[in-house]
Protein backbone atom coordinates (compact mmCIF):
# COMPACT_ATOMS: atom_id res chain seq x y z
CA MET A 1 2.04 -11.26 -24.98
CA ILE A 2 3.56 -12.22 -21.64
CA LEU A 3 5.60 -9.02 -21.43
CA PHE A 4 2.50 -7.01 -22.31
CA LEU A 5 0.67 -8.58 -19.37
CA ALA A 6 3.66 -7.86 -17.17
CA LEU A 7 3.49 -4.24 -18.26
CA CYS A 8 -0.22 -4.21 -17.42
CA PHE A 9 0.64 -5.39 -13.91
CA VAL A 10 3.17 -2.58 -13.60
CA ALA A 11 0.40 -0.18 -14.60
CA LEU A 12 -1.76 -1.73 -11.88
CA ALA A 13 1.00 -1.08 -9.36
CA ILE A 14 1.25 2.54 -10.53
CA ALA A 15 -2.50 2.94 -10.04
CA GLY A 16 -2.11 1.54 -6.53
CA ALA A 17 0.69 4.01 -5.85
CA SER A 18 -1.57 6.85 -6.92
CA ALA A 19 -4.25 5.72 -4.49
CA LEU A 20 -1.69 5.27 -1.72
CA VAL A 21 -0.43 8.82 -2.20
CA ILE A 22 -4.00 10.02 -1.70
CA PHE A 23 -5.27 7.92 1.22
CA TRP A 24 -2.18 7.19 3.34
CA PRO A 25 -1.35 10.85 4.12
CA LEU A 26 -5.01 11.48 4.94
CA ALA A 27 -4.97 8.57 7.39
CA LEU A 28 -1.71 9.81 8.93
CA VAL A 29 -3.06 13.33 9.37
CA HIS A 30 -6.21 11.92 10.96
CA MET A 31 -4.07 9.89 13.37
CA ARG A 32 -1.96 12.93 14.17
CA ASP A 33 -5.03 15.02 14.96
CA ARG A 34 -7.26 12.48 16.71
CA HIS A 35 -4.92 9.74 17.99
CA PRO A 36 -1.56 11.27 18.95
CA GLU A 37 -0.47 8.15 20.87
CA LEU A 38 -0.92 6.05 17.74
CA SER A 39 0.89 8.62 15.64
CA ALA A 40 3.76 8.64 18.14
CA ALA A 41 3.91 4.83 18.01
CA LEU A 42 4.32 4.90 14.23
CA GLY A 43 7.04 7.51 14.55
CA PRO A 44 7.88 10.67 12.66
CA ASN A 45 7.67 10.58 8.87
CA ALA A 46 5.57 7.42 8.99
CA PHE A 47 4.72 7.72 5.30
CA PHE A 48 8.03 6.11 4.30
CA GLN A 49 8.66 3.81 7.27
CA LEU A 50 8.38 0.06 6.82
CA ARG A 51 7.07 -0.26 10.37
CA ALA A 52 4.08 1.94 9.50
CA TRP A 53 3.45 0.04 6.25
CA LYS A 54 3.53 -3.23 8.20
CA TRP A 55 1.01 -1.73 10.63
CA LEU A 56 -1.16 -0.83 7.65
CA LEU A 57 -0.81 -4.20 5.91
CA LEU A 58 -1.70 -6.11 9.08
CA ALA A 59 -4.81 -3.90 9.46
CA ARG A 60 -3.93 -2.86 13.00
CA TYR A 61 -6.11 0.20 12.47
CA ARG A 62 -9.11 -2.04 13.10
CA GLY A 63 -8.17 -2.13 16.78
CA VAL A 64 -8.80 1.61 17.07
CA PRO A 65 -12.49 2.38 17.68
CA ASP A 66 -12.67 5.13 15.05
CA ARG A 67 -14.73 4.59 11.92
CA ASN A 68 -13.17 7.58 10.21
CA LEU A 69 -9.69 6.13 10.62
CA THR A 70 -10.90 2.81 9.24
CA GLY A 71 -12.48 4.62 6.31
CA LEU A 72 -9.18 6.25 5.44
CA ALA A 73 -6.82 3.39 6.25
CA ALA A 74 -8.75 0.62 4.47
CA PRO A 75 -8.32 2.11 0.96
CA ALA A 76 -4.67 2.82 1.77
CA ARG A 77 -4.25 -0.85 2.70
CA VAL A 78 -5.93 -2.02 -0.49
CA SER A 79 -3.71 0.28 -2.55
CA LEU A 80 -0.56 -0.98 -0.81
CA LEU A 81 -1.64 -4.56 -1.48
CA THR A 82 -2.31 -3.61 -5.10
CA ILE A 83 1.22 -2.26 -5.45
CA ILE A 84 2.75 -5.40 -3.96
CA VAL A 85 0.63 -7.84 -5.95
CA GLY A 86 1.08 -5.92 -9.21
CA LEU A 87 4.86 -5.80 -8.90
CA VAL A 88 5.15 -9.45 -7.84
CA LEU A 89 2.99 -10.63 -10.73
CA ALA A 90 4.91 -8.45 -13.20
CA TRP A 91 8.17 -9.88 -11.91
CA LEU A 92 6.85 -13.46 -12.20
CA LEU A 93 5.68 -12.88 -15.77
CA TRP A 94 9.05 -11.34 -16.61
CA LEU A 95 10.74 -14.47 -15.23
CA VAL A 96 8.44 -16.66 -17.32
CA SER A 97 9.28 -14.68 -20.45
CA TYR A 98 12.98 -14.89 -19.62
CA TRP A 99 12.81 -18.66 -19.17
CA MET A 100 10.84 -19.04 -22.40
CA GLY A 101 13.39 -16.95 -24.27
CA ALA A 102 10.89 -14.33 -25.40
């Protein structure tokens, strides 16, 4: 049962990855078009950079007075948090099952 729940958390992380693939590029394109200084600060190919993900996780987009950017970046942040939480919980349940000898 524990490994099944761990697998469910992996599925949750996959769902978060699907949402991230949708919303994060939209937010990056919006920044490129409307806020070039912010896009330059995140660097080229920001989709895969840890610095850009840290910017997203810390919700630094709230400092930009653009409701459209907030509307695109907030779901991307939630999906990134979903990926992290799902994988951490799956890993913890796997450790519990390993310690229990299941």
